[in-house]
Amino acid sequence: MGKQEYTLSIFSENHIGILNQITIILTRRQINIESITASESAVRGVHLLTLVIKTTGDMVSKVARQMEKLVDVLKVFVHTSEEIIYQEIALFKVSTKGLLSGNAIDNVVRNHHARIVEVSPEYIVLEKTGHKNEISDLFTHLEPFGLLQFARSGRVAVTKQVRELNSYLKEMDEANRVKAEDVDVYGRN
C-alpha cells in the first residue's frame, strides 16, 4: 500500500512538551511532518494541533493510537483530504519597483485571488489564502518580480462530519462515570 496524505487533528491539554512527545512518535517511525498548526479549539481549555503527514493507512492508525496514549492527549482524529475543509495562508513580500511595472499588480491580484496587505516605496505585501498548489503557483508567478520574502502557514482544517469534539468528550465523560459507579471503593466490581 502506498503513502497518502493524512491530516491529524490532535486535541490536547495545553501543557509544555506535548509537541515534543508527538514528534518523537513520528520520528521513531521516520514520518516527516509536512505541515503543523497549533491553536485553541472550540472547547474551552482544549487545544488543537493539526499535522499533515504522508504515510500508509496502517502506519497512520498506529501513530494515532500511540499519540492517544499520551497523558495530555484527549483524542486524535485522522482524516484524508476529502474528509476535511482546509486552507493555508501565505504572505509574499515583493519589490514595489518590479510589481508596479505595467499593470502586473492588478493581474496578479485578480488572477490569483490575492489581497494587498501593505504598500511601501520598497515593497508590496500580498496575502493568499488557499491550498498548497495555489500558493505555490503564485510563488512561481511572483519570483520574476523580485520576491523578497515568503511565509506560509500550516494547514488549518475543519471536518465535514457533523459530530464535534464536544459530543465525543461528553460520551467519554459518561462512559468514565459509568465505569466509576461499577467499581466500589475497594476496586471490586
N, C-alpha and C. Protein backbone atom coordinates (compact mmCIF):
# COMPACT_ATOMS: atom_id res chain seq x y z
N MET A 1 0.84 -1.18 0.00
CA MET A 1 0.00 0.00 0.00
C MET A 1 0.89 1.24 0.00
N GLY A 2 0.57 2.22 -0.86
CA GLY A 2 1.39 3.41 -1.00
C GLY A 2 1.11 4.46 0.05
N LYS A 3 1.99 5.44 0.07
CA LYS A 3 1.83 6.54 1.02
C LYS A 3 0.76 7.50 0.52
N GLN A 4 0.06 8.10 1.48
CA GLN A 4 -1.01 9.02 1.19
C GLN A 4 -0.92 10.17 2.20
N GLU A 5 -1.50 11.31 1.86
CA GLU A 5 -1.50 12.45 2.77
C GLU A 5 -2.65 12.31 3.76
N TYR A 6 -2.34 12.49 5.05
CA TYR A 6 -3.33 12.45 6.12
C TYR A 6 -3.23 13.71 6.96
N THR A 7 -4.36 14.17 7.46
CA THR A 7 -4.40 15.28 8.39
C THR A 7 -4.79 14.73 9.75
N LEU A 8 -3.94 14.96 10.74
CA LEU A 8 -4.22 14.53 12.11
C LEU A 8 -4.71 15.74 12.90
N SER A 9 -5.87 15.61 13.51
CA SER A 9 -6.39 16.63 14.42
C SER A 9 -6.20 16.08 15.82
N ILE A 10 -5.26 16.67 16.55
CA ILE A 10 -4.89 16.19 17.87
C ILE A 10 -5.41 17.18 18.91
N PHE A 11 -6.37 16.73 19.70
CA PHE A 11 -6.94 17.57 20.75
C PHE A 11 -6.24 17.23 22.06
N SER A 12 -5.72 18.26 22.71
CA SER A 12 -4.95 18.01 23.92
C SER A 12 -5.10 19.14 24.92
N GLU A 13 -4.61 18.87 26.12
CA GLU A 13 -4.47 19.94 27.10
C GLU A 13 -3.24 20.72 26.69
N ASN A 14 -3.19 21.98 27.02
CA ASN A 14 -2.09 22.84 26.59
C ASN A 14 -0.96 22.81 27.61
N HIS A 15 -0.20 21.71 27.58
CA HIS A 15 0.91 21.57 28.52
C HIS A 15 2.24 21.59 27.77
N ILE A 16 3.25 22.05 28.45
CA ILE A 16 4.59 22.12 27.88
C ILE A 16 5.07 20.71 27.54
N GLY A 17 5.63 20.57 26.34
CA GLY A 17 6.26 19.31 25.94
C GLY A 17 5.39 18.38 25.12
N ILE A 18 4.10 18.68 24.96
CA ILE A 18 3.23 17.77 24.21
C ILE A 18 3.67 17.65 22.75
N LEU A 19 4.07 18.76 22.15
CA LEU A 19 4.52 18.69 20.75
C LEU A 19 5.77 17.84 20.62
N ASN A 20 6.66 17.95 21.58
CA ASN A 20 7.88 17.14 21.58
C ASN A 20 7.54 15.65 21.64
N GLN A 21 6.60 15.28 22.50
CA GLN A 21 6.20 13.88 22.63
C GLN A 21 5.59 13.35 21.32
N ILE A 22 4.82 14.19 20.66
CA ILE A 22 4.19 13.79 19.40
C ILE A 22 5.23 13.63 18.30
N THR A 23 6.18 14.57 18.23
CA THR A 23 7.20 14.46 17.19
C THR A 23 8.12 13.26 17.42
N ILE A 24 8.33 12.88 18.66
CA ILE A 24 9.14 11.68 18.95
C ILE A 24 8.46 10.44 18.37
N ILE A 25 7.15 10.35 18.53
CA ILE A 25 6.40 9.21 17.97
C ILE A 25 6.59 9.14 16.46
N LEU A 26 6.50 10.29 15.79
CA LEU A 26 6.65 10.33 14.33
C LEU A 26 8.09 10.07 13.90
N THR A 27 9.04 10.63 14.64
CA THR A 27 10.46 10.45 14.30
C THR A 27 10.88 8.99 14.39
N ARG A 28 10.40 8.29 15.42
CA ARG A 28 10.74 6.87 15.58
C ARG A 28 10.29 6.04 14.39
N ARG A 29 9.21 6.48 13.75
CA ARG A 29 8.68 5.75 12.59
C ARG A 29 9.10 6.39 11.27
N GLN A 30 10.02 7.36 11.36
CA GLN A 30 10.57 8.07 10.20
C GLN A 30 9.47 8.70 9.34
N ILE A 31 8.55 9.38 10.03
CA ILE A 31 7.48 10.10 9.35
C ILE A 31 7.75 11.59 9.51
N ASN A 32 7.82 12.30 8.40
CA ASN A 32 8.08 13.73 8.41
C ASN A 32 6.77 14.50 8.52
N ILE A 33 6.79 15.60 9.25
CA ILE A 33 5.63 16.48 9.34
C ILE A 33 5.69 17.44 8.15
N GLU A 34 4.68 17.39 7.30
CA GLU A 34 4.61 18.26 6.12
C GLU A 34 4.11 19.66 6.50
N SER A 35 3.24 19.72 7.51
CA SER A 35 2.63 20.98 7.93
C SER A 35 2.17 20.82 9.37
N ILE A 36 2.24 21.92 10.13
CA ILE A 36 1.78 21.88 11.51
C ILE A 36 1.19 23.24 11.89
N THR A 37 0.08 23.18 12.61
CA THR A 37 -0.58 24.38 13.12
C THR A 37 -1.09 24.07 14.52
N ALA A 38 -0.94 25.02 15.42
CA ALA A 38 -1.45 24.87 16.78
C ALA A 38 -2.37 26.03 17.11
N SER A 39 -3.47 25.73 17.78
CA SER A 39 -4.42 26.79 18.14
C SER A 39 -5.35 26.32 19.24
N GLU A 40 -6.16 27.24 19.74
CA GLU A 40 -7.23 26.86 20.65
C GLU A 40 -8.29 26.13 19.83
N SER A 41 -9.12 25.36 20.50
CA SER A 41 -10.22 24.69 19.80
C SER A 41 -11.54 25.33 20.24
N ALA A 42 -12.64 24.80 19.76
CA ALA A 42 -13.96 25.31 20.14
C ALA A 42 -14.32 24.94 21.58
N VAL A 43 -13.57 24.00 22.16
CA VAL A 43 -13.82 23.56 23.53
C VAL A 43 -12.86 24.31 24.47
N ARG A 44 -13.41 24.97 25.45
CA ARG A 44 -12.60 25.76 26.39
C ARG A 44 -11.57 24.87 27.10
N GLY A 45 -10.30 25.32 27.07
CA GLY A 45 -9.24 24.59 27.75
C GLY A 45 -8.62 23.47 26.92
N VAL A 46 -9.13 23.26 25.72
CA VAL A 46 -8.61 22.21 24.84
C VAL A 46 -7.94 22.86 23.63
N HIS A 47 -6.74 22.42 23.32
CA HIS A 47 -6.01 22.96 22.18
C HIS A 47 -5.99 21.95 21.04
N LEU A 48 -5.80 22.46 19.84
CA LEU A 48 -5.80 21.64 18.63
C LEU A 48 -4.46 21.76 17.93
N LEU A 49 -3.84 20.62 17.69
CA LEU A 49 -2.66 20.54 16.83
C LEU A 49 -3.11 19.89 15.54
N THR A 50 -2.86 20.54 14.42
CA THR A 50 -3.21 19.98 13.11
C THR A 50 -1.91 19.65 12.40
N LEU A 51 -1.69 18.36 12.14
CA LEU A 51 -0.48 17.89 11.48
C LEU A 51 -0.84 17.26 10.15
N VAL A 52 -0.03 17.51 9.15
CA VAL A 52 -0.17 16.84 7.86
C VAL A 52 1.05 15.95 7.70
N ILE A 53 0.79 14.67 7.44
CA ILE A 53 1.87 13.71 7.24
C ILE A 53 1.57 12.87 6.01
N LYS A 54 2.61 12.25 5.46
CA LYS A 54 2.44 11.31 4.35
C LYS A 54 2.94 9.96 4.82
N THR A 55 2.04 8.97 4.81
CA THR A 55 2.38 7.63 5.26
C THR A 55 1.31 6.66 4.76
N THR A 56 1.39 5.43 5.20
CA THR A 56 0.39 4.42 4.82
C THR A 56 -0.78 4.45 5.80
N GLY A 57 -1.88 3.87 5.40
CA GLY A 57 -3.05 3.80 6.26
C GLY A 57 -2.79 3.05 7.55
N ASP A 58 -2.06 1.95 7.46
CA ASP A 58 -1.73 1.17 8.65
C ASP A 58 -0.87 1.98 9.62
N MET A 59 0.12 2.67 9.07
CA MET A 59 1.05 3.43 9.91
C MET A 59 0.35 4.61 10.58
N VAL A 60 -0.53 5.31 9.86
CA VAL A 60 -1.21 6.45 10.47
C VAL A 60 -2.12 5.99 11.60
N SER A 61 -2.72 4.81 11.45
CA SER A 61 -3.55 4.26 12.54
C SER A 61 -2.69 3.95 13.76
N LYS A 62 -1.52 3.38 13.54
CA LYS A 62 -0.61 3.05 14.65
C LYS A 62 -0.15 4.29 15.40
N VAL A 63 0.27 5.33 14.65
CA VAL A 63 0.77 6.52 15.33
C VAL A 63 -0.37 7.26 16.04
N ALA A 64 -1.58 7.24 15.48
CA ALA A 64 -2.72 7.89 16.13
C ALA A 64 -3.02 7.20 17.46
N ARG A 65 -3.02 5.85 17.46
CA ARG A 65 -3.26 5.11 18.70
C ARG A 65 -2.17 5.40 19.73
N GLN A 66 -0.93 5.47 19.26
CA GLN A 66 0.19 5.74 20.17
C GLN A 66 0.08 7.17 20.75
N MET A 67 -0.33 8.14 19.93
CA MET A 67 -0.49 9.51 20.40
C MET A 67 -1.61 9.61 21.44
N GLU A 68 -2.68 8.84 21.25
CA GLU A 68 -3.79 8.87 22.20
C GLU A 68 -3.42 8.32 23.57
N LYS A 69 -2.33 7.57 23.64
CA LYS A 69 -1.86 7.04 24.92
C LYS A 69 -1.12 8.09 25.74
N LEU A 70 -0.75 9.21 25.11
CA LEU A 70 -0.07 10.27 25.84
C LEU A 70 -1.04 10.89 26.83
N VAL A 71 -0.56 11.21 28.00
CA VAL A 71 -1.40 11.69 29.10
C VAL A 71 -2.20 12.93 28.71
N ASP A 72 -1.58 13.89 28.05
CA ASP A 72 -2.24 15.16 27.75
C ASP A 72 -3.13 15.12 26.51
N VAL A 73 -3.08 14.05 25.73
CA VAL A 73 -3.88 13.96 24.51
C VAL A 73 -5.25 13.40 24.83
N LEU A 74 -6.28 14.13 24.42
CA LEU A 74 -7.66 13.71 24.66
C LEU A 74 -8.18 12.81 23.54
N LYS A 75 -7.89 13.20 22.29
CA LYS A 75 -8.37 12.42 21.14
C LYS A 75 -7.58 12.81 19.90
N VAL A 76 -7.35 11.83 19.03
CA VAL A 76 -6.70 12.07 17.74
C VAL A 76 -7.66 11.61 16.65
N PHE A 77 -7.96 12.51 15.74
CA PHE A 77 -8.79 12.17 14.58
C PHE A 77 -7.90 12.16 13.35
N VAL A 78 -8.07 11.14 12.50
CA VAL A 78 -7.29 11.01 11.28
C VAL A 78 -8.24 11.23 10.10
N HIS A 79 -7.83 12.10 9.18
CA HIS A 79 -8.67 12.42 8.03
C HIS A 79 -7.87 12.41 6.74
N THR A 80 -8.52 12.02 5.66
CA THR A 80 -7.95 12.22 4.33
C THR A 80 -8.37 13.62 3.87
N SER A 81 -7.77 14.10 2.81
CA SER A 81 -8.09 15.45 2.32
C SER A 81 -9.54 15.58 1.89
N GLU A 82 -10.16 14.49 1.49
CA GLU A 82 -11.55 14.52 1.05
C GLU A 82 -12.52 14.68 2.22
N GLU A 83 -12.08 14.38 3.43
CA GLU A 83 -12.95 14.40 4.60
C GLU A 83 -12.92 15.73 5.36
N ILE A 84 -12.11 16.67 4.88
CA ILE A 84 -11.96 17.95 5.59
C ILE A 84 -12.08 19.13 4.64
N ILE A 85 -12.30 20.28 5.23
CA ILE A 85 -12.22 21.56 4.51
C ILE A 85 -10.99 22.24 5.09
N TYR A 86 -10.07 22.62 4.22
CA TYR A 86 -8.81 23.17 4.72
C TYR A 86 -8.28 24.31 3.85
N GLN A 87 -7.45 25.12 4.47
CA GLN A 87 -6.81 26.24 3.80
C GLN A 87 -5.44 26.47 4.44
N GLU A 88 -4.62 27.20 3.71
CA GLU A 88 -3.36 27.71 4.23
C GLU A 88 -3.33 29.18 3.89
N ILE A 89 -2.49 29.93 4.56
CA ILE A 89 -2.34 31.35 4.25
C ILE A 89 -0.87 31.62 3.99
N ALA A 90 -0.60 32.50 3.04
CA ALA A 90 0.78 32.85 2.72
C ALA A 90 0.90 34.36 2.56
N LEU A 91 2.06 34.87 2.95
CA LEU A 91 2.40 36.27 2.74
C LEU A 91 3.60 36.34 1.80
N PHE A 92 3.51 37.23 0.83
CA PHE A 92 4.56 37.43 -0.16
C PHE A 92 5.00 38.89 -0.09
N LYS A 93 6.27 39.10 0.12
CA LYS A 93 6.83 40.46 0.11
C LYS A 93 7.61 40.60 -1.19
N VAL A 94 7.13 41.52 -2.05
CA VAL A 94 7.67 41.66 -3.40
C VAL A 94 8.16 43.09 -3.61
N SER A 95 9.21 43.24 -4.38
CA SER A 95 9.75 44.55 -4.71
C SER A 95 8.67 45.40 -5.38
N THR A 96 8.46 46.60 -4.87
CA THR A 96 7.45 47.50 -5.45
C THR A 96 7.81 47.85 -6.88
N LYS A 97 9.07 48.12 -7.12
CA LYS A 97 9.53 48.50 -8.46
C LYS A 97 9.17 47.44 -9.49
N GLY A 98 9.41 46.18 -9.16
CA GLY A 98 9.13 45.10 -10.10
C GLY A 98 7.66 44.88 -10.32
N LEU A 99 6.88 44.94 -9.27
CA LEU A 99 5.47 44.62 -9.36
C LEU A 99 4.63 45.75 -9.93
N LEU A 100 5.09 47.00 -9.81
CA LEU A 100 4.32 48.12 -10.33
C LEU A 100 4.57 48.41 -11.81
N SER A 101 5.50 47.67 -12.42
CA SER A 101 5.75 47.88 -13.85
C SER A 101 4.55 47.38 -14.65
N GLY A 102 4.03 48.25 -15.50
CA GLY A 102 2.84 47.91 -16.28
C GLY A 102 1.65 47.75 -15.34
N ASN A 103 0.80 46.79 -15.62
CA ASN A 103 -0.33 46.52 -14.71
C ASN A 103 -0.20 45.12 -14.12
N ALA A 104 1.05 44.73 -13.83
CA ALA A 104 1.33 43.39 -13.28
C ALA A 104 0.63 43.18 -11.95
N ILE A 105 0.61 44.19 -11.10
CA ILE A 105 -0.01 44.04 -9.77
C ILE A 105 -1.49 43.72 -9.90
N ASP A 106 -2.15 44.41 -10.79
CA ASP A 106 -3.59 44.18 -11.00
C ASP A 106 -3.84 42.76 -11.48
N ASN A 107 -3.03 42.30 -12.44
CA ASN A 107 -3.18 40.94 -12.96
C ASN A 107 -2.93 39.88 -11.89
N VAL A 108 -1.89 40.09 -11.08
CA VAL A 108 -1.55 39.12 -10.03
C VAL A 108 -2.68 39.03 -9.01
N VAL A 109 -3.15 40.16 -8.54
CA VAL A 109 -4.19 40.17 -7.51
C VAL A 109 -5.47 39.53 -8.03
N ARG A 110 -5.88 39.90 -9.23
CA ARG A 110 -7.13 39.36 -9.79
C ARG A 110 -7.02 37.88 -10.17
N ASN A 111 -5.98 37.53 -10.89
CA ASN A 111 -5.85 36.16 -11.40
C ASN A 111 -5.60 35.13 -10.31
N HIS A 112 -4.98 35.55 -9.22
CA HIS A 112 -4.64 34.60 -8.15
C HIS A 112 -5.48 34.80 -6.89
N HIS A 113 -6.46 35.68 -6.98
CA HIS A 113 -7.35 35.95 -5.84
C HIS A 113 -6.54 36.28 -4.58
N ALA A 114 -5.54 37.13 -4.78
CA ALA A 114 -4.70 37.58 -3.68
C ALA A 114 -5.25 38.89 -3.14
N ARG A 115 -4.67 39.33 -2.03
CA ARG A 115 -5.11 40.58 -1.40
C ARG A 115 -3.87 41.38 -1.05
N ILE A 116 -3.93 42.69 -1.31
CA ILE A 116 -2.82 43.57 -0.95
C ILE A 116 -2.95 43.91 0.53
N VAL A 117 -1.89 43.65 1.29
CA VAL A 117 -1.89 43.90 2.73
C VAL A 117 -1.21 45.23 3.05
N GLU A 118 -0.11 45.50 2.37
CA GLU A 118 0.65 46.73 2.63
C GLU A 118 1.42 47.14 1.40
N VAL A 119 1.52 48.46 1.21
CA VAL A 119 2.29 49.01 0.10
C VAL A 119 3.25 50.05 0.67
N SER A 120 4.52 49.94 0.30
CA SER A 120 5.51 50.93 0.69
C SER A 120 6.35 51.23 -0.55
N PRO A 121 7.20 52.25 -0.51
CA PRO A 121 8.05 52.54 -1.67
C PRO A 121 9.00 51.39 -2.04
N GLU A 122 9.35 50.56 -1.04
CA GLU A 122 10.31 49.48 -1.28
C GLU A 122 9.66 48.14 -1.59
N TYR A 123 8.50 47.88 -1.01
CA TYR A 123 7.90 46.56 -1.17
C TYR A 123 6.37 46.61 -1.10
N ILE A 124 5.77 45.54 -1.60
CA ILE A 124 4.33 45.31 -1.51
C ILE A 124 4.15 43.94 -0.86
N VAL A 125 3.25 43.85 0.12
CA VAL A 125 2.96 42.57 0.76
C VAL A 125 1.60 42.09 0.27
N LEU A 126 1.59 40.88 -0.27
CA LEU A 126 0.36 40.25 -0.74
C LEU A 126 0.01 39.07 0.16
N GLU A 127 -1.27 38.83 0.31
CA GLU A 127 -1.76 37.69 1.09
C GLU A 127 -2.54 36.77 0.16
N LYS A 128 -2.31 35.49 0.30
CA LYS A 128 -3.03 34.49 -0.49
C LYS A 128 -3.51 33.39 0.44
N THR A 129 -4.79 33.11 0.40
CA THR A 129 -5.36 32.01 1.15
C THR A 129 -5.80 30.95 0.15
N GLY A 130 -5.47 29.69 0.42
CA GLY A 130 -5.84 28.62 -0.50
C GLY A 130 -5.13 27.33 -0.17
N HIS A 131 -5.14 26.44 -1.13
CA HIS A 131 -4.44 25.17 -0.98
C HIS A 131 -2.97 25.34 -1.37
N LYS A 132 -2.16 24.39 -0.99
CA LYS A 132 -0.71 24.46 -1.21
C LYS A 132 -0.37 24.70 -2.68
N ASN A 133 -1.07 24.03 -3.59
CA ASN A 133 -0.75 24.18 -5.01
C ASN A 133 -1.07 25.59 -5.52
N GLU A 134 -2.12 26.23 -5.00
CA GLU A 134 -2.46 27.60 -5.39
C GLU A 134 -1.40 28.58 -4.89
N ILE A 135 -0.93 28.35 -3.68
CA ILE A 135 0.10 29.22 -3.10
C ILE A 135 1.42 29.03 -3.86
N SER A 136 1.74 27.80 -4.20
CA SER A 136 2.97 27.52 -4.97
C SER A 136 2.90 28.17 -6.35
N ASP A 137 1.72 28.16 -6.96
CA ASP A 137 1.54 28.78 -8.27
C ASP A 137 1.80 30.28 -8.20
N LEU A 138 1.27 30.94 -7.17
CA LEU A 138 1.51 32.38 -7.01
C LEU A 138 2.98 32.64 -6.72
N PHE A 139 3.61 31.80 -5.92
CA PHE A 139 5.04 31.93 -5.63
C PHE A 139 5.84 31.94 -6.94
N THR A 140 5.57 30.97 -7.80
CA THR A 140 6.26 30.86 -9.08
C THR A 140 6.02 32.11 -9.94
N HIS A 141 4.80 32.60 -9.91
CA HIS A 141 4.43 33.78 -10.71
C HIS A 141 5.14 35.04 -10.20
N LEU A 142 5.35 35.16 -8.88
CA LEU A 142 5.94 36.37 -8.30
C LEU A 142 7.46 36.40 -8.35
N GLU A 143 8.10 35.26 -8.49
CA GLU A 143 9.58 35.21 -8.47
C GLU A 143 10.24 36.19 -9.44
N PRO A 144 9.78 36.29 -10.68
CA PRO A 144 10.43 37.22 -11.62
C PRO A 144 10.30 38.70 -11.23
N PHE A 145 9.36 39.05 -10.36
CA PHE A 145 9.14 40.44 -9.97
C PHE A 145 10.01 40.87 -8.79
N GLY A 146 10.80 39.97 -8.27
CA GLY A 146 11.67 40.31 -7.14
C GLY A 146 11.05 39.95 -5.81
N LEU A 147 10.86 38.67 -5.61
CA LEU A 147 10.29 38.15 -4.36
C LEU A 147 11.32 38.32 -3.25
N LEU A 148 10.99 39.13 -2.24
CA LEU A 148 11.92 39.44 -1.15
C LEU A 148 11.78 38.50 0.03
N GLN A 149 10.54 38.17 0.38
CA GLN A 149 10.28 37.25 1.49
C GLN A 149 9.01 36.46 1.19
N PHE A 150 8.93 35.29 1.83
CA PHE A 150 7.77 34.42 1.68
C PHE A 150 7.58 33.66 2.97
N ALA A 151 6.32 33.58 3.44
CA ALA A 151 6.00 32.78 4.63
C ALA A 151 4.64 32.14 4.40
N ARG A 152 4.54 30.86 4.78
CA ARG A 152 3.27 30.13 4.60
C ARG A 152 2.92 29.44 5.90
N SER A 153 1.65 29.46 6.26
CA SER A 153 1.20 28.80 7.48
C SER A 153 1.07 27.30 7.23
N GLY A 154 0.82 26.58 8.30
CA GLY A 154 0.44 25.19 8.17
C GLY A 154 -1.03 25.11 7.81
N ARG A 155 -1.49 23.92 7.62
CA ARG A 155 -2.89 23.68 7.26
C ARG A 155 -3.81 23.99 8.45
N VAL A 156 -4.89 24.67 8.15
CA VAL A 156 -5.96 24.90 9.11
C VAL A 156 -7.15 24.13 8.54
N ALA A 157 -7.76 23.26 9.36
CA ALA A 157 -8.79 22.36 8.83
C ALA A 157 -9.95 22.18 9.79
N VAL A 158 -11.12 21.97 9.22
CA VAL A 158 -12.30 21.54 9.96
C VAL A 158 -12.86 20.34 9.21
N THR A 159 -13.55 19.48 9.95
CA THR A 159 -14.07 18.27 9.32
C THR A 159 -15.40 18.53 8.63
N LYS A 160 -15.72 17.70 7.67
CA LYS A 160 -17.02 17.76 7.00
C LYS A 160 -18.08 17.04 7.83
N GLN A 161 -17.62 16.16 8.72
CA GLN A 161 -18.58 15.41 9.55
C GLN A 161 -19.24 16.34 10.56
N VAL A 162 -20.43 15.99 10.98
CA VAL A 162 -21.21 16.83 11.87
C VAL A 162 -20.79 16.65 13.32
N ARG A 163 -20.45 15.44 13.71
CA ARG A 163 -20.08 15.14 15.10
C ARG A 163 -18.86 15.96 15.50
N GLU A 164 -18.98 16.63 16.61
CA GLU A 164 -17.91 17.50 17.06
C GLU A 164 -17.24 16.94 18.30
N LEU A 165 -16.12 17.55 18.66
CA LEU A 165 -15.36 17.10 19.83
C LEU A 165 -16.20 17.20 21.10
N ASN A 166 -17.04 18.22 21.20
CA ASN A 166 -17.89 18.36 22.40
C ASN A 166 -18.68 17.09 22.67
N SER A 167 -19.33 16.54 21.64
CA SER A 167 -20.14 15.33 21.84
C SER A 167 -19.26 14.14 22.18
N TYR A 168 -18.08 14.06 21.60
CA TYR A 168 -17.16 12.97 21.91
C TYR A 168 -16.72 13.04 23.38
N LEU A 169 -16.39 14.26 23.85
CA LEU A 169 -15.95 14.42 25.24
C LEU A 169 -17.08 14.08 26.21
N LYS A 170 -18.30 14.46 25.89
CA LYS A 170 -19.44 14.12 26.75
C LYS A 170 -19.63 12.61 26.83
N GLU A 171 -19.49 11.91 25.69
CA GLU A 171 -19.61 10.46 25.67
C GLU A 171 -18.50 9.82 26.51
N MET A 172 -17.27 10.34 26.40
CA MET A 172 -16.16 9.82 27.20
C MET A 172 -16.42 10.03 28.68
N ASP A 173 -16.90 11.20 29.03
CA ASP A 173 -17.18 11.53 30.41
C ASP A 173 -18.26 10.61 30.97
N GLU A 174 -19.30 10.38 30.20
CA GLU A 174 -20.39 9.49 30.62
C GLU A 174 -19.88 8.06 30.80
N ALA A 175 -19.06 7.58 29.87
CA ALA A 175 -18.51 6.22 29.97
C ALA A 175 -17.63 6.08 31.20
N ASN A 176 -16.83 7.10 31.49
CA ASN A 176 -15.96 7.06 32.68
C ASN A 176 -16.77 7.09 33.97
N ARG A 177 -17.88 7.84 33.98
CA ARG A 177 -18.72 7.92 35.17
C ARG A 177 -19.40 6.57 35.42
N VAL A 178 -19.85 5.90 34.35
CA VAL A 178 -20.48 4.58 34.49
C VAL A 178 -19.46 3.57 35.02
N LYS A 179 -18.24 3.61 34.50
CA LYS A 179 -17.18 2.71 34.98
C LYS A 179 -16.90 2.95 36.46
N ALA A 180 -16.86 4.21 36.86
CA ALA A 180 -16.58 4.54 38.26
C ALA A 180 -17.69 4.04 39.17
N GLU A 181 -18.93 4.09 38.71
CA GLU A 181 -20.05 3.61 39.51
C GLU A 181 -20.03 2.09 39.64
N ASP A 182 -19.47 1.40 38.64
CA ASP A 182 -19.42 -0.05 38.65
C ASP A 182 -18.33 -0.60 39.57
N VAL A 183 -17.39 0.24 39.96
CA VAL A 183 -16.30 -0.19 40.81
C VAL A 183 -16.52 0.39 42.21
N ASP A 184 -16.55 -0.48 43.22
CA ASP A 184 -16.78 0.04 44.59
C ASP A 184 -15.50 0.64 45.17
N VAL A 185 -15.57 1.12 46.34
CA VAL A 185 -14.43 1.80 46.94
C VAL A 185 -13.20 0.93 47.11
N TYR A 186 -13.37 -0.40 47.09
CA TYR A 186 -12.24 -1.32 47.21
C TYR A 186 -11.71 -1.77 45.85
N GLY A 187 -12.26 -1.19 44.78
CA GLY A 187 -11.79 -1.53 43.45
C GLY A 187 -12.40 -2.80 42.92
N ARG A 188 -13.49 -3.27 43.55
CA ARG A 188 -14.15 -4.51 43.09
C ARG A 188 -15.38 -4.14 42.29
N ASN A 189 -15.71 -5.01 41.36
CA ASN A 189 -16.94 -4.83 40.57
C ASN A 189 -18.16 -5.28 41.33
